[in-house]
PDB file of N, CA and C in Angstrom:
ATOM      1  N   MET A   1      96.998  87.047 105.350  1.00  0.00           N
ATOM      2  CA  MET A   1      95.866  88.022 105.035  1.00  0.00           C
ATOM      3  C   MET A   1      94.032  88.029 105.936  1.00  0.00           C
ATOM      4  N   ILE A   2      94.270  89.377 105.491  1.00  0.00           N
ATOM      5  CA  ILE A   2      92.355  89.437 106.172  1.00  0.00           C
ATOM      6  C   ILE A   2      92.111  89.546 104.703  1.00  0.00           C
ATOM      7  N   ALA A   3      91.354  90.295 104.023  1.00  0.00           N
ATOM      8  CA  ALA A   3      90.500  90.128 103.277  1.00  0.00           C
ATOM      9  C   ALA A   3      90.243  92.106 103.324  1.00  0.00           C
ATOM     10  N   THR A   4      90.710  91.767 101.429  1.00  0.00           N
ATOM     11  CA  THR A   4      90.942  93.675 101.507  1.00  0.00           C
ATOM     12  C   THR A   4      90.858  94.094 100.243  1.00  0.00           C
ATOM     13  N   THR A   5      90.184  95.209 100.431  1.00  0.00           N
ATOM     14  CA  THR A   5      88.915  95.783  99.381  1.00  0.00           C
ATOM     15  C   THR A   5      90.103  96.663  98.752  1.00  0.00           C
ATOM     16  N   ILE A   6      90.077  96.689  97.238  1.00  0.00           N
ATOM     17  CA  ILE A   6      91.021  97.432  96.100  1.00  0.00           C
ATOM     18  C   ILE A   6      89.978  99.118  95.972  1.00  0.00           C
ATOM     19  N   LEU A   7      90.329  99.530  96.165  1.00  0.00           N
ATOM     20  CA  LEU A   7      90.105 101.468  95.027  1.00  0.00           C
ATOM     21  C   LEU A   7      90.421 101.536  94.781  1.00  0.00           C
ATOM     22  N   VAL A   8      89.724 102.113  93.127  1.00  0.00           N
ATOM     23  CA  VAL A   8      90.679 103.226  92.332  1.00  0.00           C
ATOM     24  C   VAL A   8      89.754 104.551  92.853  1.00  0.00           C
ATOM     25  N   ASP A   9      90.690 105.536  92.941  1.00  0.00           N
ATOM     26  CA  ASP A   9      90.415 106.812  93.055  1.00  0.00           C
ATOM     27  C   ASP A   9      89.577 106.599  94.376  1.00  0.00           C
ATOM     28  N   GLU A  10      89.369 106.141  95.249  1.00  0.00           N
ATOM     29  CA  GLU A  10      88.056 105.890  96.816  1.00  0.00           C
ATOM     30  C   GLU A  10      87.547 104.862  96.220  1.00  0.00           C
ATOM     31  N   LYS A  11      87.195 104.505  95.843  1.00  0.00           N
ATOM     32  CA  LYS A  11      85.925 103.274  95.203  1.00  0.00           C
ATOM     33  C   LYS A  11      86.178 102.563  94.885  1.00  0.00           C
ATOM     34  N   PRO A  12      85.557 101.629  96.066  1.00  0.00           N
ATOM     35  CA  PRO A  12      85.837  99.938  96.232  1.00  0.00           C
ATOM     36  C   PRO A  12      84.951  99.164  94.880  1.00  0.00           C
ATOM     37  N   ILE A  13      86.739  98.245  94.755  1.00  0.00           N
ATOM     38  CA  ILE A  13      85.847  97.901  93.142  1.00  0.00           C
ATOM     39  C   ILE A  13      86.313  96.038  93.662  1.00  0.00           C
ATOM     40  N   CYS A  14      86.489  95.722  94.243  1.00  0.00           N
ATOM     41  CA  CYS A  14      86.471  93.864  94.564  1.00  0.00           C
ATOM     42  C   CYS A  14      87.328  93.879  96.034  1.00  0.00           C
ATOM     43  N   VAL A  15      86.941  93.062  96.406  1.00  0.00           N
ATOM     44  CA  VAL A  15      87.358  92.249  97.712  1.00  0.00           C
ATOM     45  C   VAL A  15      88.185  91.913  97.611  1.00  0.00           C
ATOM     46  N   VAL A  16      89.872  90.748  97.912  1.00  0.00           N
ATOM     47  CA  VAL A  16      90.027  89.511  97.812  1.00  0.00           C
ATOM     48  C   VAL A  16      91.511  88.992  99.370  1.00  0.00           C
ATOM     49  N   ARG A  17      91.027  88.358  99.026  1.00  0.00           N
ATOM     50  CA  ARG A  17      92.019  87.844 100.023  1.00  0.00           C
ATOM     51  C   ARG A  17      93.675  86.470 100.382  1.00  0.00           C
ATOM     52  N   PRO A  18      94.707  87.647  99.840  1.00  0.00           N
ATOM     53  CA  PRO A  18      95.631  87.422  99.036  1.00  0.00           C
ATOM     54  C   PRO A  18      96.654  87.215 100.384  1.00  0.00           C
ATOM     55  N   THR A  19      96.824  86.039  99.939  1.00  0.00           N
ATOM     56  CA  THR A  19      98.296  84.823 101.390  1.00  0.00           C
ATOM     57  C   THR A  19      99.133  85.505 102.027  1.00  0.00           C
ATOM     58  N   ASP A  20      99.635  86.971 100.706  1.00  0.00           N
ATOM     59  CA  ASP A  20     100.769  88.078 101.680  1.00  0.00           C
ATOM     60  C   ASP A  20     100.589  89.191 100.724  1.00  0.00           C
ATOM     61  N   ARG A  21     101.898  89.892 101.234  1.00  0.00           N
ATOM     62  CA  ARG A  21     102.019  90.599 100.467  1.00  0.00           C
ATOM     63  C   ARG A  21     102.133  91.038  99.458  1.00  0.00           C
ATOM     64  N   LYS A  22     102.973  90.244  98.220  1.00  0.00           N
ATOM     65  CA  LYS A  22     103.567  89.867  97.342  1.00  0.00           C
ATOM     66  C   LYS A  22     102.940  89.195  96.574  1.00  0.00           C
ATOM     67  N   ASP A  23     101.634  88.662  97.080  1.00  0.00           N
ATOM     68  CA  ASP A  23     100.043  88.366  96.144  1.00  0.00           C
ATOM     69  C   ASP A  23      99.725  89.103  95.888  1.00  0.00           C
ATOM     70  N   LEU A  24      99.033  90.364  97.225  1.00  0.00           N
ATOM     71  CA  LEU A  24      98.102  91.764  96.650  1.00  0.00           C
ATOM     72  C   LEU A  24      99.567  92.560  96.265  1.00  0.00           C
ATOM     73  N   ASP A  25     100.858  92.698  95.694  1.00  0.00           N
ATOM     74  CA  ASP A  25     101.209  93.459  94.656  1.00  0.00           C
ATOM     75  C   ASP A  25     101.172  92.393  93.306  1.00  0.00           C
ATOM     76  N   ARG A  26     100.428  91.747  93.582  1.00  0.00           N
ATOM     77  CA  ARG A  26     101.934  91.038  92.043  1.00  0.00           C
ATOM     78  C   ARG A  26     100.325  90.778  91.545  1.00  0.00           C
ATOM     79  N   PHE A  27      98.967  90.881  92.400  1.00  0.00           N
ATOM     80  CA  PHE A  27      97.395  91.227  91.955  1.00  0.00           C
ATOM     81  C   PHE A  27      97.168  92.469  91.107  1.00  0.00           C
ATOM     82  N   ILE A  28      98.035  93.706  91.828  1.00  0.00           N
ATOM     83  CA  ILE A  28      97.260  94.801  91.738  1.00  0.00           C
ATOM     84  C   ILE A  28      97.819  95.295  90.450  1.00  0.00           C
ATOM     85  N   ARG A  29      99.329  94.542  89.974  1.00  0.00           N
ATOM     86  CA  ARG A  29     100.648  95.116  88.928  1.00  0.00           C
ATOM     87  C   ARG A  29      99.292  94.369  88.246  1.00  0.00           C
ATOM     88  N   ASN A  30      99.427  93.114  88.258  1.00  0.00           N
ATOM     89  CA  ASN A  30      98.112  91.901  87.038  1.00  0.00           C
ATOM     90  C   ASN A  30      96.895  92.351  86.325  1.00  0.00           C
ATOM     91  N   GLY A  31      95.875  92.748  86.995  1.00  0.00           N
ATOM     92  CA  GLY A  31      94.518  93.232  87.104  1.00  0.00           C
ATOM     93  C   GLY A  31      94.412  95.342  87.004  1.00  0.00           C
ATOM     94  N   LYS A  32      95.848  95.159  86.962  1.00  0.00           N
ATOM     95  CA  LYS A  32      95.853  96.888  87.054  1.00  0.00           C
ATOM     96  C   LYS A  32      94.696  97.331  85.464  1.00  0.00           C
ATOM     97  N   LYS A  33      95.086  97.008  83.905  1.00  0.00           N
ATOM     98  CA  LYS A  33      94.132  97.829  83.294  1.00  0.00           C
ATOM     99  C   LYS A  33      93.047  96.809  83.769  1.00  0.00           C
ATOM    100  N   PHE A  34      92.996  96.247  84.123  1.00  0.00           N
ATOM    101  CA  PHE A  34      91.046  95.768  84.620  1.00  0.00           C
ATOM    102  C   PHE A  34      91.122  96.793  85.677  1.00  0.00           C
ATOM    103  N   LEU A  35      91.278  96.812  86.569  1.00  0.00           N
ATOM    104  CA  LEU A  35      90.405  97.612  87.714  1.00  0.00           C
ATOM    105  C   LEU A  35      90.766  99.173  87.397  1.00  0.00           C
ATOM    106  N   LEU A  36      91.324  99.445  86.950  1.00  0.00           N
ATOM    107  CA  LEU A  36      92.035 100.765  85.723  1.00  0.00           C
ATOM    108  C   LEU A  36      90.141 101.127  85.489  1.00  0.00           C
ATOM    109  N   ALA A  37      89.865 100.037  84.019  1.00  0.00           N
ATOM    110  CA  ALA A  37      88.989  99.935  83.364  1.00  0.00           C
ATOM    111  C   ALA A  37      89.411 101.728  82.200  1.00  0.00           C
ATOM    112  N   ASP A  38      88.718 102.298  81.996  1.00  0.00           N
ATOM    113  CA  ASP A  38      88.838 102.656  81.538  1.00  0.00           C
ATOM    114  C   ASP A  38      89.656 104.641  81.249  1.00  0.00           C
ATOM    115  N   ASN A  39      89.850 104.500  82.906  1.00  0.00           N
ATOM    116  CA  ASN A  39      90.563 105.298  83.777  1.00  0.00           C
ATOM    117  C   ASN A  39      92.189 105.668  84.158  1.00  0.00           C
ATOM    118  N   ASN A  40      92.587 106.275  83.193  1.00  0.00           N
ATOM    119  CA  ASN A  40      93.790 105.232  82.755  1.00  0.00           C
ATOM    120  C   ASN A  40      94.811 106.152  84.703  1.00  0.00           C
ATOM    121  N   ALA A  41      93.985 107.287  84.037  1.00  0.00           N
ATOM    122  CA  ALA A  41      94.458 107.984  85.450  1.00  0.00           C
ATOM    123  C   ALA A  41      93.816 108.143  87.034  1.00  0.00           C
ATOM    124  N   GLY A  42      93.529 107.178  86.815  1.00  0.00           N
ATOM    125  CA  GLY A  42      93.054 107.194  88.579  1.00  0.00           C
ATOM    126  C   GLY A  42      94.159 106.693  89.149  1.00  0.00           C
ATOM    127  N   ILE A  43      93.580 106.154  89.788  1.00  0.00           N
ATOM    128  CA  ILE A  43      94.880 105.512  91.584  1.00  0.00           C
ATOM    129  C   ILE A  43      94.379 104.370  92.410  1.00  0.00           C
ATOM    130  N   ILE A  44      95.506 103.407  93.139  1.00  0.00           N
ATOM    131  CA  ILE A  44      94.653 102.110  93.153  1.00  0.00           C
ATOM    132  C   ILE A  44      95.060 102.081  94.427  1.00  0.00           C
ATOM    133  N   THR A  45      94.288 101.876  95.687  1.00  0.00           N
ATOM    134  CA  THR A  45      95.035 101.705  96.218  1.00  0.00           C
ATOM    135  C   THR A  45      94.041 101.182  97.643  1.00  0.00           C
ATOM    136  N   HIS A  46      94.271 101.248  98.628  1.00  0.00           N
ATOM    137  CA  HIS A  46      93.905  98.978  99.396  1.00  0.00           C
ATOM    138  C   HIS A  46      93.804  99.882 100.769  1.00  0.00           C
ATOM    139  N   ARG A  47      93.155  99.091 101.821  1.00  0.00           N
ATOM    140  CA  ARG A  47      92.768  98.941 102.989  1.00  0.00           C
ATOM    141  C   ARG A  47      91.821  97.299 103.046  1.00  0.00           C
ATOM    142  N   GLY A  48      92.143  97.039 104.312  1.00  0.00           N
ATOM    143  CA  GLY A  48      91.041  96.088 105.439  1.00  0.00           C
ATOM    144  C   GLY A  48      89.657  97.063 104.985  1.00  0.00           C
ATOM    145  N   ALA A  49      88.445  95.216 104.592  1.00  0.00           N
ATOM    146  CA  ALA A  49      87.588  94.887 104.061  1.00  0.00           C
ATOM    147  C   ALA A  49      86.484  95.290 105.668  1.00  0.00           C
ATOM    148  N   ASP A  50      85.552  96.154 105.467  1.00  0.00           N
ATOM    149  CA  ASP A  50      85.037  96.662 106.354  1.00  0.00           C
ATOM    150  C   ASP A  50      83.862  95.222 106.213  1.00  0.00           C
ATOM    151  N   GLU A  51      82.903  95.415 107.828  1.00  0.00           N
ATOM    152  CA  GLU A  51      82.247  94.114 107.430  1.00  0.00           C
ATOM    153  C   GLU A  51      81.729  93.560 106.837  1.00  0.00           C
ATOM    154  N   SER A  52      80.763  95.096 106.191  1.00  0.00           N
ATOM    155  CA  SER A  52      79.933  94.979 104.870  1.00  0.00           C
ATOM    156  C   SER A  52      80.738  94.101 103.921  1.00  0.00           C
ATOM    157  N   GLU A  53      82.131  94.216 103.076  1.00  0.00           N
ATOM    158  CA  GLU A  53      82.413  93.751 102.199  1.00  0.00           C
ATOM    159  C   GLU A  53      83.416  92.765 102.079  1.00  0.00           C
ATOM    160  N   ALA A  54      83.040  92.218 104.009  1.00  0.00           N
ATOM    161  CA  ALA A  54      83.913  91.116 104.375  1.00  0.00           C
ATOM    162  C   ALA A  54      83.165  90.120 104.044  1.00  0.00           C
ATOM    163  N   ALA A  55      82.050  90.002 104.746  1.00  0.00           N
ATOM    164  CA  ALA A  55      80.738  88.859 104.961  1.00  0.00           C
ATOM    165  C   ALA A  55      81.165  88.406 103.270  1.00  0.00           C
ATOM    166  N   LYS A  56      80.365  90.263 102.240  1.00  0.00           N
ATOM    167  CA  LYS A  56      79.664  89.395 100.270  1.00  0.00           C
ATOM    168  C   LYS A  56      81.416  87.994 100.296  1.00  0.00           C
ATOM    169  N   TRP A  57      82.861  89.022 100.459  1.00  0.00           N
ATOM    170  CA  TRP A  57      83.723  87.278 100.533  1.00  0.00           C
ATOM    171  C   TRP A  57      83.702  86.485 101.118  1.00  0.00           C
ATOM    172  N   HIS A  58      83.089  86.043 102.734  1.00  0.00           N
ATOM    173  CA  HIS A  58      83.364  85.150 103.120  1.00  0.00           C
ATOM    174  C   HIS A  58      81.516  84.009 102.017  1.00  0.00           C
ATOM    175  N   GLN A  59      80.666  85.267 102.067  1.00  0.00           N
ATOM    176  CA  GLN A  59      79.438  84.425 101.170  1.00  0.00           C
ATOM    177  C   GLN A  59      79.541  83.715 100.212  1.00  0.00           C
ATOM    178  N   ALA A  60      80.970  84.675  99.049  1.00  0.00           N
ATOM    179  CA  ALA A  60      81.035  83.722  98.011  1.00  0.00           C
ATOM    180  C   ALA A  60      81.987  82.855  97.834  1.00  0.00           C
ATOM    181  N   PHE A  61      82.483  83.335  99.281  1.00  0.00           N
ATOM    182  CA  PHE A  61      83.444  81.754  99.415  1.00  0.00           C
ATOM    183  C   PHE A  61      82.746  81.204  99.695  1.00  0.00           C
ATOM    184  N   ALA A  62      82.001  80.830 100.329  1.00  0.00           N
ATOM    185  CA  ALA A  62      81.056  79.642 101.115  1.00  0.00           C
ATOM    186  C   ALA A  62      80.525  78.736  99.993  1.00  0.00           C
ATOM    187  N   LEU A  63      79.531  79.678  98.483  1.00  0.00           N
ATOM    188  CA  LEU A  63      79.327  79.284  97.784  1.00  0.00           C
ATOM    189  C   LEU A  63      80.370  78.408  96.701  1.00  0.00           C
ATOM    190  N   HIS A  64      81.574  79.176  96.691  1.00  0.00           N
ATOM    191  CA  HIS A  64      83.026  78.262  95.798  1.00  0.00           C
ATOM    192  C   HIS A  64      83.243  77.069  96.494  1.00  0.00           C
ATOM    193  N   ARG A  65      82.429  77.477  97.939  1.00  0.00           N
ATOM    194  CA  ARG A  65      83.059  75.821  98.208  1.00  0.00           C
ATOM    195  C   ARG A  65      82.140  74.426  98.800  1.00  0.00           C
ATOM    196  N   ALA A  66      81.123  75.133  98.415  1.00  0.00           N
ATOM    197  CA  ALA A  66      79.826  74.528  98.015  1.00  0.00           C
ATOM    198  C   ALA A  66      79.990  73.586  97.332  1.00  0.00           C
ATOM    199  N   TRP A  67      80.935  74.514  95.547  1.00  0.00           N
ATOM    200  CA  TRP A  67      80.881  73.696  94.480  1.00  0.00           C
ATOM    201  C   TRP A  67      81.567  72.993  94.071  1.00  0.00           C
ATOM    202  N   SER A  68      81.937  72.887  95.642  1.00  0.00           N
ATOM    203  CA  SER A  68      84.031  71.995  95.713  1.00  0.00           C
ATOM    204  C   SER A  68      84.672  72.260  95.289  1.00  0.00           C
ATOM    205  N   GLY A  69      85.166  73.434  94.992  1.00  0.00           N
ATOM    206  CA  GLY A  69      86.232  74.270  94.955  1.00  0.00           C
ATOM    207  C   GLY A  69      87.201  74.983  96.135  1.00  0.00           C
ATOM    208  N   GLU A  70      88.104  74.507  95.176  1.00  0.00           N
ATOM    209  CA  GLU A  70      89.042  74.417  96.573  1.00  0.00           C
ATOM    210  C   GLU A  70      89.726  75.687  96.777  1.00  0.00           C
ATOM    211  N   ASP A  71      90.245  75.338  98.387  1.00  0.00           N
ATOM    212  CA  ASP A  71      90.538  77.262  98.999  1.00  0.00           C
ATOM    213  C   ASP A  71      92.429  77.781  97.653  1.00  0.00           C
ATOM    214  N   ASP A  72      92.561  77.620  97.765  1.00  0.00           N
ATOM    215  CA  ASP A  72      93.613  78.118  96.809  1.00  0.00           C
ATOM    216  C   ASP A  72      93.545  78.346  95.458  1.00  0.00           C
ATOM    217  N   GLY A  73      91.820  78.425  95.377  1.00  0.00           N
ATOM    218  CA  GLY A  73      91.296  78.209  93.744  1.00  0.00           C
ATOM    219  C   GLY A  73      90.320  79.828  93.757  1.00  0.00           C
ATOM    220  N   PHE A  74      90.354  80.887  95.040  1.00  0.00           N
ATOM    221  CA  PHE A  74      89.403  81.019  95.474  1.00  0.00           C
ATOM    222  C   PHE A  74      90.244  82.376  95.872  1.00  0.00           C
ATOM    223  N   PHE A  75      90.553  83.543  94.908  1.00  0.00           N
ATOM    224  CA  PHE A  75      91.015  84.600  95.117  1.00  0.00           C
ATOM    225  C   PHE A  75      90.524  86.254  95.248  1.00  0.00           C
ATOM    226  N   GLY A  76      88.329  86.164  94.943  1.00  0.00           N
ATOM    227  CA  GLY A  76      88.078  87.755  95.489  1.00  0.00           C
ATOM    228  C   GLY A  76      87.209  88.156  94.853  1.00  0.00           C
ATOM    229  N   ILE A  77      86.029  88.067  95.037  1.00  0.00           N
ATOM    230  CA  ILE A  77      85.013  89.071  94.304  1.00  0.00           C
ATOM    231  C   ILE A  77      85.337  90.594  93.764  1.00  0.00           C
ATOM    232  N   PRO A  78      84.280  91.208  92.680  1.00  0.00           N
ATOM    233  CA  PRO A  78      84.893  92.605  92.443  1.00  0.00           C
ATOM    234  C   PRO A  78      83.011  92.081  93.104  1.00  0.00           C
ATOM    235  N   LEU A  79      83.513  93.439  93.746  1.00  0.00           N
ATOM    236  CA  LEU A  79      81.439  94.512  94.199  1.00  0.00           C
ATOM    237  C   LEU A  79      80.670  95.382  93.259  1.00  0.00           C
TER     238      LEU A  79
END
């Protein structure tokens, strides 16, 4: 999949790159407490990352690989 921005109440929270829709759904379900923080009534949505968000993800991924990180070990970054 392409880089995806996770939003809480339409505010970008993080950029992730899941392998498939199931992976994205699992991340949102398991990360709900972190994503919502103190906003228990917040609504979590997602959309394709815009150019600047995708660029941040690619820069973080390049840094991860420079430290000999495995491709499968990198999922996303907070914004």
